[in-house]
């Protein structure tokens, strides 16, 4: 485990100040961020559903990207201009309506300019992921 440069409370405070739209619907919570991993929860809401009653792809991509941003901030500190340069998602199975979506992110490699990680998205308490994401973030020069 890396030493976290920001605690969950510090990440939340930074994001509320610099990126308040991430919490606009008050349905995402950061449950853990330790410099290597993060766990985010998106509480179920009807607005997350696409036609056919499954969790929408844009909802899953947004949560995965946010989970990567949180783990990265916890690892490098308050660097607001770290940005996604690549996000690849594989949808594996239907997310269940009525269930929260959990995003477990972990850093695979943290360099000076790039960070690479992966995110598993889970529906409720089911251990089988509904999506697998790989992502790369660009880290600006200090």
N, C-alpha and C. Protein backbone atom coordinates (compact mmCIF):
# COMPACT_ATOMS: atom_id res chain seq x y z
N UNK A 1 0.84 -1.18 0.00
CA UNK A 1 0.00 0.00 0.00
C UNK A 1 0.89 1.25 0.00
N UNK A 2 0.56 2.19 -0.85
CA UNK A 2 1.25 3.48 -0.87
C UNK A 2 0.77 4.31 0.32
N UNK A 3 1.60 5.24 0.70
CA UNK A 3 1.15 6.19 1.72
C UNK A 3 0.22 7.20 1.06
N UNK A 4 -0.94 7.34 1.61
CA UNK A 4 -1.91 8.29 1.06
C UNK A 4 -1.44 9.71 1.34
N UNK A 5 -1.55 10.57 0.33
CA UNK A 5 -1.21 11.98 0.50
C UNK A 5 -2.45 12.79 0.90
N UNK A 6 -3.63 12.19 0.71
CA UNK A 6 -4.88 12.83 1.12
C UNK A 6 -5.78 11.77 1.72
N UNK A 7 -6.45 12.12 2.81
CA UNK A 7 -7.44 11.22 3.41
C UNK A 7 -8.76 11.35 2.65
N UNK A 8 -9.71 10.50 2.95
CA UNK A 8 -11.03 10.60 2.34
C UNK A 8 -11.63 11.98 2.62
N UNK A 9 -11.54 12.44 3.85
CA UNK A 9 -12.09 13.75 4.20
C UNK A 9 -11.42 14.87 3.41
N UNK A 10 -10.11 14.78 3.23
CA UNK A 10 -9.38 15.80 2.46
C UNK A 10 -9.75 15.75 0.98
N UNK A 11 -9.88 14.54 0.43
CA UNK A 11 -10.30 14.40 -0.97
C UNK A 11 -11.70 15.00 -1.14
N UNK A 12 -12.62 14.65 -0.25
CA UNK A 12 -13.99 15.17 -0.35
C UNK A 12 -14.01 16.70 -0.26
N UNK A 13 -13.26 17.25 0.67
CA UNK A 13 -13.20 18.70 0.83
C UNK A 13 -12.66 19.36 -0.43
N UNK A 14 -11.58 18.83 -0.98
CA UNK A 14 -10.99 19.35 -2.21
C UNK A 14 -12.00 19.27 -3.36
N UNK A 15 -12.67 18.14 -3.51
CA UNK A 15 -13.62 17.96 -4.61
C UNK A 15 -14.84 18.87 -4.45
N UNK A 16 -15.34 19.02 -3.25
CA UNK A 16 -16.48 19.92 -3.03
C UNK A 16 -16.12 21.36 -3.40
N UNK A 17 -14.87 21.72 -3.18
CA UNK A 17 -14.41 23.07 -3.49
C UNK A 17 -14.09 23.24 -4.98
N UNK A 18 -13.38 22.28 -5.58
CA UNK A 18 -12.86 22.41 -6.94
C UNK A 18 -13.73 21.75 -8.01
N UNK A 19 -14.57 20.80 -7.63
CA UNK A 19 -15.34 20.01 -8.61
C UNK A 19 -16.70 19.68 -8.02
N UNK A 20 -17.46 20.73 -7.59
CA UNK A 20 -18.72 20.50 -6.86
C UNK A 20 -19.78 19.76 -7.67
N UNK A 21 -19.72 19.85 -8.99
CA UNK A 21 -20.72 19.16 -9.81
C UNK A 21 -20.66 17.63 -9.65
N UNK A 22 -19.54 17.12 -9.18
CA UNK A 22 -19.42 15.67 -8.96
C UNK A 22 -20.40 15.20 -7.89
N UNK A 23 -20.80 16.11 -7.02
CA UNK A 23 -21.72 15.75 -5.93
C UNK A 23 -23.09 16.39 -6.11
N UNK A 24 -23.40 16.81 -7.32
CA UNK A 24 -24.62 17.56 -7.59
C UNK A 24 -25.89 16.82 -7.16
N UNK A 25 -25.93 15.51 -7.33
CA UNK A 25 -27.14 14.75 -7.00
C UNK A 25 -27.05 14.13 -5.61
N UNK A 26 -25.95 14.33 -4.91
CA UNK A 26 -25.76 13.81 -3.56
C UNK A 26 -26.02 12.30 -3.50
N UNK A 27 -25.56 11.57 -4.53
CA UNK A 27 -25.81 10.13 -4.56
C UNK A 27 -24.53 9.31 -4.62
N UNK A 28 -23.36 9.98 -4.63
CA UNK A 28 -22.08 9.26 -4.65
C UNK A 28 -21.35 9.54 -3.35
N UNK A 29 -20.86 8.47 -2.73
CA UNK A 29 -20.07 8.63 -1.52
C UNK A 29 -18.73 7.92 -1.69
N UNK A 30 -17.72 8.53 -1.11
CA UNK A 30 -16.38 7.93 -1.11
C UNK A 30 -16.26 7.16 0.20
N UNK A 31 -16.16 5.85 0.10
CA UNK A 31 -16.11 5.03 1.31
C UNK A 31 -14.68 4.74 1.75
N UNK A 32 -13.74 4.76 0.79
CA UNK A 32 -12.35 4.45 1.11
C UNK A 32 -11.47 5.04 0.03
N UNK A 33 -10.30 5.53 0.43
CA UNK A 33 -9.25 5.95 -0.50
C UNK A 33 -7.96 5.96 0.30
N UNK A 34 -7.01 5.12 -0.10
CA UNK A 34 -5.82 4.94 0.73
C UNK A 34 -4.49 5.13 -0.01
N UNK A 35 -4.53 5.75 -1.18
CA UNK A 35 -3.31 5.94 -1.94
C UNK A 35 -3.03 4.83 -2.94
N UNK A 36 -3.71 3.70 -2.79
CA UNK A 36 -3.58 2.58 -3.72
C UNK A 36 -4.92 2.15 -4.29
N UNK A 37 -5.97 2.29 -3.46
CA UNK A 37 -7.30 1.85 -3.87
C UNK A 37 -8.33 2.88 -3.44
N UNK A 38 -9.50 2.76 -4.04
CA UNK A 38 -10.64 3.55 -3.57
C UNK A 38 -11.89 2.71 -3.73
N UNK A 39 -12.89 3.04 -2.94
CA UNK A 39 -14.20 2.42 -3.01
C UNK A 39 -15.23 3.53 -2.98
N UNK A 40 -16.03 3.61 -4.04
CA UNK A 40 -17.10 4.60 -4.13
C UNK A 40 -18.44 3.88 -4.25
N UNK A 41 -19.47 4.48 -3.75
CA UNK A 41 -20.83 3.94 -3.83
C UNK A 41 -21.73 4.96 -4.50
N UNK A 42 -22.46 4.51 -5.51
CA UNK A 42 -23.50 5.34 -6.11
C UNK A 42 -24.83 4.74 -5.69
N UNK A 43 -25.57 5.52 -4.90
CA UNK A 43 -26.87 5.04 -4.41
C UNK A 43 -27.85 4.97 -5.57
N UNK A 44 -28.66 3.94 -5.55
CA UNK A 44 -29.62 3.72 -6.62
C UNK A 44 -30.62 4.87 -6.72
N UNK A 45 -30.94 5.21 -7.95
CA UNK A 45 -31.97 6.18 -8.27
C UNK A 45 -32.54 5.80 -9.63
N UNK A 46 -33.81 6.05 -9.83
CA UNK A 46 -34.44 5.75 -11.12
C UNK A 46 -33.75 6.47 -12.28
N UNK A 47 -33.14 7.63 -12.01
CA UNK A 47 -32.51 8.38 -13.09
C UNK A 47 -31.26 7.69 -13.64
N UNK A 48 -30.76 6.65 -12.95
CA UNK A 48 -29.59 5.91 -13.42
C UNK A 48 -29.94 4.89 -14.49
N UNK A 49 -31.24 4.64 -14.68
CA UNK A 49 -31.67 3.55 -15.56
C UNK A 49 -31.80 4.00 -17.01
N UNK A 50 -31.49 3.08 -17.90
CA UNK A 50 -31.73 3.27 -19.32
C UNK A 50 -32.98 2.50 -19.68
N UNK A 51 -33.52 2.68 -20.89
CA UNK A 51 -34.66 1.87 -21.30
C UNK A 51 -34.31 0.38 -21.17
N UNK A 52 -35.23 -0.38 -20.67
CA UNK A 52 -34.99 -1.79 -20.40
C UNK A 52 -34.69 -2.06 -18.94
N UNK A 53 -34.55 -0.99 -18.15
CA UNK A 53 -34.43 -1.14 -16.70
C UNK A 53 -33.06 -1.50 -16.18
N UNK A 54 -32.00 -1.29 -16.95
CA UNK A 54 -30.66 -1.57 -16.44
C UNK A 54 -29.91 -0.27 -16.18
N UNK A 55 -28.88 -0.34 -15.39
CA UNK A 55 -28.05 0.83 -15.11
C UNK A 55 -27.40 1.28 -16.41
N UNK A 56 -27.45 2.56 -16.71
CA UNK A 56 -26.95 3.06 -18.00
C UNK A 56 -25.43 3.04 -18.08
N UNK A 57 -24.95 2.91 -19.30
CA UNK A 57 -23.51 2.94 -19.56
C UNK A 57 -22.87 4.25 -19.12
N UNK A 58 -23.46 5.41 -19.44
CA UNK A 58 -22.86 6.67 -18.99
C UNK A 58 -22.75 6.76 -17.47
N UNK A 59 -23.71 6.19 -16.74
CA UNK A 59 -23.63 6.17 -15.28
C UNK A 59 -22.42 5.38 -14.82
N UNK A 60 -22.23 4.19 -15.43
CA UNK A 60 -21.11 3.33 -15.04
C UNK A 60 -19.77 3.97 -15.41
N UNK A 61 -19.68 4.59 -16.59
CA UNK A 61 -18.43 5.23 -17.00
C UNK A 61 -18.09 6.41 -16.09
N UNK A 62 -19.09 7.19 -15.73
CA UNK A 62 -18.87 8.33 -14.85
C UNK A 62 -18.37 7.88 -13.49
N UNK A 63 -19.01 6.87 -12.92
CA UNK A 63 -18.61 6.37 -11.61
C UNK A 63 -17.19 5.80 -11.66
N UNK A 64 -16.87 5.06 -12.70
CA UNK A 64 -15.53 4.48 -12.83
C UNK A 64 -14.47 5.58 -12.94
N UNK A 65 -14.75 6.59 -13.75
CA UNK A 65 -13.79 7.68 -13.92
C UNK A 65 -13.61 8.43 -12.60
N UNK A 66 -14.68 8.65 -11.90
CA UNK A 66 -14.61 9.34 -10.61
C UNK A 66 -13.82 8.52 -9.60
N UNK A 67 -14.01 7.20 -9.58
CA UNK A 67 -13.27 6.33 -8.66
C UNK A 67 -11.78 6.39 -8.94
N UNK A 68 -11.40 6.44 -10.23
CA UNK A 68 -9.98 6.56 -10.58
C UNK A 68 -9.43 7.91 -10.14
N UNK A 69 -10.20 8.96 -10.33
CA UNK A 69 -9.75 10.30 -9.93
C UNK A 69 -9.54 10.34 -8.42
N UNK A 70 -10.43 9.73 -7.66
CA UNK A 70 -10.32 9.72 -6.21
C UNK A 70 -9.07 8.97 -5.76
N UNK A 71 -8.83 7.78 -6.30
CA UNK A 71 -7.64 7.03 -5.88
C UNK A 71 -6.37 7.78 -6.28
N UNK A 72 -6.39 8.42 -7.44
CA UNK A 72 -5.23 9.19 -7.87
C UNK A 72 -4.98 10.37 -6.93
N UNK A 73 -6.02 11.13 -6.61
CA UNK A 73 -5.86 12.24 -5.68
C UNK A 73 -5.33 11.77 -4.33
N UNK A 74 -5.84 10.64 -3.86
CA UNK A 74 -5.36 10.13 -2.57
C UNK A 74 -3.88 9.76 -2.64
N UNK A 75 -3.40 9.41 -3.84
CA UNK A 75 -2.00 9.01 -4.00
C UNK A 75 -1.06 10.19 -4.23
N UNK A 76 -1.52 11.22 -4.96
CA UNK A 76 -0.60 12.30 -5.34
C UNK A 76 -0.92 13.63 -4.67
N UNK A 77 -2.05 13.75 -4.02
CA UNK A 77 -2.42 15.00 -3.39
C UNK A 77 -3.33 15.84 -4.28
N UNK A 78 -3.60 17.07 -3.90
CA UNK A 78 -4.60 17.91 -4.57
C UNK A 78 -4.11 18.48 -5.91
N UNK A 79 -4.17 17.66 -6.92
CA UNK A 79 -3.77 18.06 -8.28
C UNK A 79 -5.03 18.07 -9.14
N UNK A 80 -5.71 19.20 -9.15
CA UNK A 80 -6.99 19.30 -9.84
C UNK A 80 -6.92 19.09 -11.33
N UNK A 81 -5.78 19.39 -11.95
CA UNK A 81 -5.69 19.29 -13.41
C UNK A 81 -5.19 17.94 -13.91
N UNK A 82 -5.14 16.94 -13.04
CA UNK A 82 -4.93 15.57 -13.52
C UNK A 82 -6.17 15.19 -14.32
N UNK A 83 -5.97 14.68 -15.53
CA UNK A 83 -7.12 14.42 -16.42
C UNK A 83 -7.05 13.03 -17.02
N UNK A 84 -8.22 12.51 -17.34
CA UNK A 84 -8.33 11.22 -18.01
C UNK A 84 -7.81 11.35 -19.43
N UNK A 85 -6.91 10.45 -19.82
CA UNK A 85 -6.45 10.41 -21.21
C UNK A 85 -6.99 9.19 -21.93
N UNK A 86 -7.40 8.18 -21.17
CA UNK A 86 -7.98 6.99 -21.78
C UNK A 86 -8.88 6.30 -20.76
N UNK A 87 -10.01 5.81 -21.24
CA UNK A 87 -10.89 5.01 -20.41
C UNK A 87 -11.50 3.95 -21.31
N UNK A 88 -11.29 2.70 -20.95
CA UNK A 88 -11.85 1.58 -21.70
C UNK A 88 -12.75 0.78 -20.77
N UNK A 89 -13.97 0.52 -21.23
CA UNK A 89 -14.92 -0.20 -20.38
C UNK A 89 -15.44 -1.42 -21.12
N UNK A 90 -15.53 -2.52 -20.38
CA UNK A 90 -16.17 -3.73 -20.86
C UNK A 90 -17.39 -3.97 -19.98
N UNK A 91 -18.56 -3.95 -20.61
CA UNK A 91 -19.80 -4.23 -19.90
C UNK A 91 -19.96 -5.74 -19.85
N UNK A 92 -20.07 -6.29 -18.66
CA UNK A 92 -20.05 -7.74 -18.48
C UNK A 92 -21.42 -8.35 -18.24
N UNK A 93 -22.25 -7.66 -17.51
CA UNK A 93 -23.60 -8.15 -17.24
C UNK A 93 -24.45 -6.98 -16.79
N UNK A 94 -25.74 -7.21 -16.77
CA UNK A 94 -26.71 -6.18 -16.42
C UNK A 94 -26.62 -5.85 -14.92
N UNK A 95 -26.55 -4.56 -14.62
CA UNK A 95 -26.67 -4.12 -13.24
C UNK A 95 -28.12 -4.20 -12.81
N UNK A 96 -28.34 -4.59 -11.60
CA UNK A 96 -29.70 -4.81 -11.13
C UNK A 96 -30.35 -3.51 -10.66
N UNK A 97 -31.53 -3.20 -11.19
CA UNK A 97 -32.23 -2.01 -10.70
C UNK A 97 -32.56 -2.17 -9.22
N UNK A 98 -32.54 -1.07 -8.53
CA UNK A 98 -32.83 -1.10 -7.11
C UNK A 98 -31.60 -1.32 -6.24
N UNK A 99 -30.44 -1.59 -6.85
CA UNK A 99 -29.22 -1.86 -6.11
C UNK A 99 -28.22 -0.72 -6.29
N UNK A 100 -27.49 -0.40 -5.24
CA UNK A 100 -26.39 0.56 -5.36
C UNK A 100 -25.31 -0.03 -6.27
N UNK A 101 -24.52 0.84 -6.87
CA UNK A 101 -23.38 0.41 -7.68
C UNK A 101 -22.12 0.78 -6.91
N UNK A 102 -21.22 -0.19 -6.77
CA UNK A 102 -19.95 0.03 -6.10
C UNK A 102 -18.84 0.06 -7.14
N UNK A 103 -17.88 0.95 -6.95
CA UNK A 103 -16.72 1.03 -7.83
C UNK A 103 -15.48 0.82 -6.97
N UNK A 104 -14.73 -0.24 -7.27
CA UNK A 104 -13.47 -0.49 -6.58
C UNK A 104 -12.35 -0.21 -7.56
N UNK A 105 -11.57 0.82 -7.27
CA UNK A 105 -10.48 1.22 -8.16
C UNK A 105 -9.15 0.91 -7.50
N UNK A 106 -8.15 0.60 -8.35
CA UNK A 106 -6.80 0.42 -7.83
C UNK A 106 -5.80 0.92 -8.86
N UNK A 107 -4.76 1.54 -8.36
CA UNK A 107 -3.68 1.99 -9.23
C UNK A 107 -2.79 0.82 -9.59
N UNK A 108 -2.53 0.66 -10.86
CA UNK A 108 -1.62 -0.38 -11.32
C UNK A 108 -0.21 0.15 -11.46
N UNK A 109 -0.09 1.41 -11.92
CA UNK A 109 1.21 2.06 -12.06
C UNK A 109 1.03 3.56 -11.87
N UNK A 110 1.88 4.10 -11.03
CA UNK A 110 1.88 5.55 -10.81
C UNK A 110 3.25 6.07 -11.17
N UNK A 111 3.30 6.81 -12.28
CA UNK A 111 4.55 7.42 -12.72
C UNK A 111 4.52 8.91 -12.45
N UNK A 112 5.53 9.62 -12.98
CA UNK A 112 5.60 11.07 -12.80
C UNK A 112 4.57 11.79 -13.64
N UNK A 113 4.26 11.26 -14.83
CA UNK A 113 3.35 11.95 -15.75
C UNK A 113 2.07 11.17 -16.04
N UNK A 114 2.08 9.85 -15.82
CA UNK A 114 0.90 9.03 -16.12
C UNK A 114 0.59 8.10 -14.96
N UNK A 115 -0.69 7.85 -14.77
CA UNK A 115 -1.15 6.85 -13.81
C UNK A 115 -2.10 5.90 -14.54
N UNK A 116 -1.93 4.62 -14.32
CA UNK A 116 -2.78 3.60 -14.94
C UNK A 116 -3.47 2.82 -13.84
N UNK A 117 -4.75 2.57 -14.03
CA UNK A 117 -5.49 1.83 -13.02
C UNK A 117 -6.63 1.04 -13.61
N UNK A 118 -7.29 0.30 -12.75
CA UNK A 118 -8.47 -0.45 -13.16
C UNK A 118 -9.56 -0.30 -12.13
N UNK A 119 -10.78 -0.47 -12.61
CA UNK A 119 -11.96 -0.34 -11.76
C UNK A 119 -12.89 -1.51 -12.04
N UNK A 120 -13.38 -2.12 -10.98
CA UNK A 120 -14.45 -3.11 -11.09
C UNK A 120 -15.72 -2.45 -10.59
N UNK A 121 -16.79 -2.61 -11.34
CA UNK A 121 -18.10 -2.08 -10.95
C UNK A 121 -18.98 -3.25 -10.55
N UNK A 122 -19.59 -3.13 -9.39
CA UNK A 122 -20.40 -4.21 -8.81
C UNK A 122 -21.80 -3.70 -8.54
N UNK A 123 -22.78 -4.58 -8.67
CA UNK A 123 -24.17 -4.23 -8.42
C UNK A 123 -24.62 -4.85 -7.10
N UNK A 124 -24.91 -4.00 -6.13
CA UNK A 124 -25.37 -4.49 -4.83
C UNK A 124 -24.34 -5.36 -4.16
N UNK A 125 -24.77 -6.50 -3.67
CA UNK A 125 -23.87 -7.42 -2.96
C UNK A 125 -23.37 -8.56 -3.84
N UNK A 126 -23.73 -8.57 -5.11
CA UNK A 126 -23.28 -9.62 -6.02
C UNK A 126 -21.76 -9.49 -6.24
N UNK A 127 -21.01 -10.59 -6.07
CA UNK A 127 -19.56 -10.50 -6.21
C UNK A 127 -19.07 -10.45 -7.67
N UNK A 128 -19.97 -10.74 -8.62
CA UNK A 128 -19.58 -10.75 -10.02
C UNK A 128 -19.67 -9.33 -10.60
N UNK A 129 -18.58 -8.82 -11.18
CA UNK A 129 -18.61 -7.45 -11.69
C UNK A 129 -19.57 -7.28 -12.86
N UNK A 130 -20.17 -6.09 -12.92
CA UNK A 130 -21.04 -5.77 -14.05
C UNK A 130 -20.25 -5.06 -15.15
N UNK A 131 -19.07 -4.53 -14.79
CA UNK A 131 -18.20 -3.90 -15.79
C UNK A 131 -16.77 -3.89 -15.27
N UNK A 132 -15.83 -3.91 -16.23
CA UNK A 132 -14.39 -3.81 -15.94
C UNK A 132 -13.85 -2.64 -16.73
N UNK A 133 -13.09 -1.78 -16.06
CA UNK A 133 -12.59 -0.56 -16.67
C UNK A 133 -11.09 -0.47 -16.48
N UNK A 134 -10.39 -0.05 -17.54
CA UNK A 134 -9.01 0.36 -17.41
C UNK A 134 -8.94 1.84 -17.78
N UNK A 135 -8.05 2.55 -17.11
CA UNK A 135 -8.02 4.00 -17.29
C UNK A 135 -6.61 4.52 -17.13
N UNK A 136 -6.30 5.58 -17.87
CA UNK A 136 -5.03 6.28 -17.75
C UNK A 136 -5.31 7.75 -17.48
N UNK A 137 -4.58 8.29 -16.53
CA UNK A 137 -4.66 9.71 -16.19
C UNK A 137 -3.33 10.38 -16.49
N UNK A 138 -3.39 11.59 -17.00
CA UNK A 138 -2.22 12.42 -17.20
C UNK A 138 -2.06 13.30 -15.97
N UNK A 139 -0.84 13.36 -15.44
CA UNK A 139 -0.55 14.16 -14.26
C UNK A 139 0.27 15.37 -14.72
N UNK A 140 -0.20 16.58 -14.45
CA UNK A 140 0.55 17.76 -14.92
C UNK A 140 1.86 17.93 -14.13
N UNK A 141 2.78 18.66 -14.72
CA UNK A 141 4.03 18.99 -14.02
C UNK A 141 3.71 19.81 -12.78
N UNK A 142 4.50 19.58 -11.74
CA UNK A 142 4.32 20.34 -10.50
C UNK A 142 4.76 21.74 -10.74
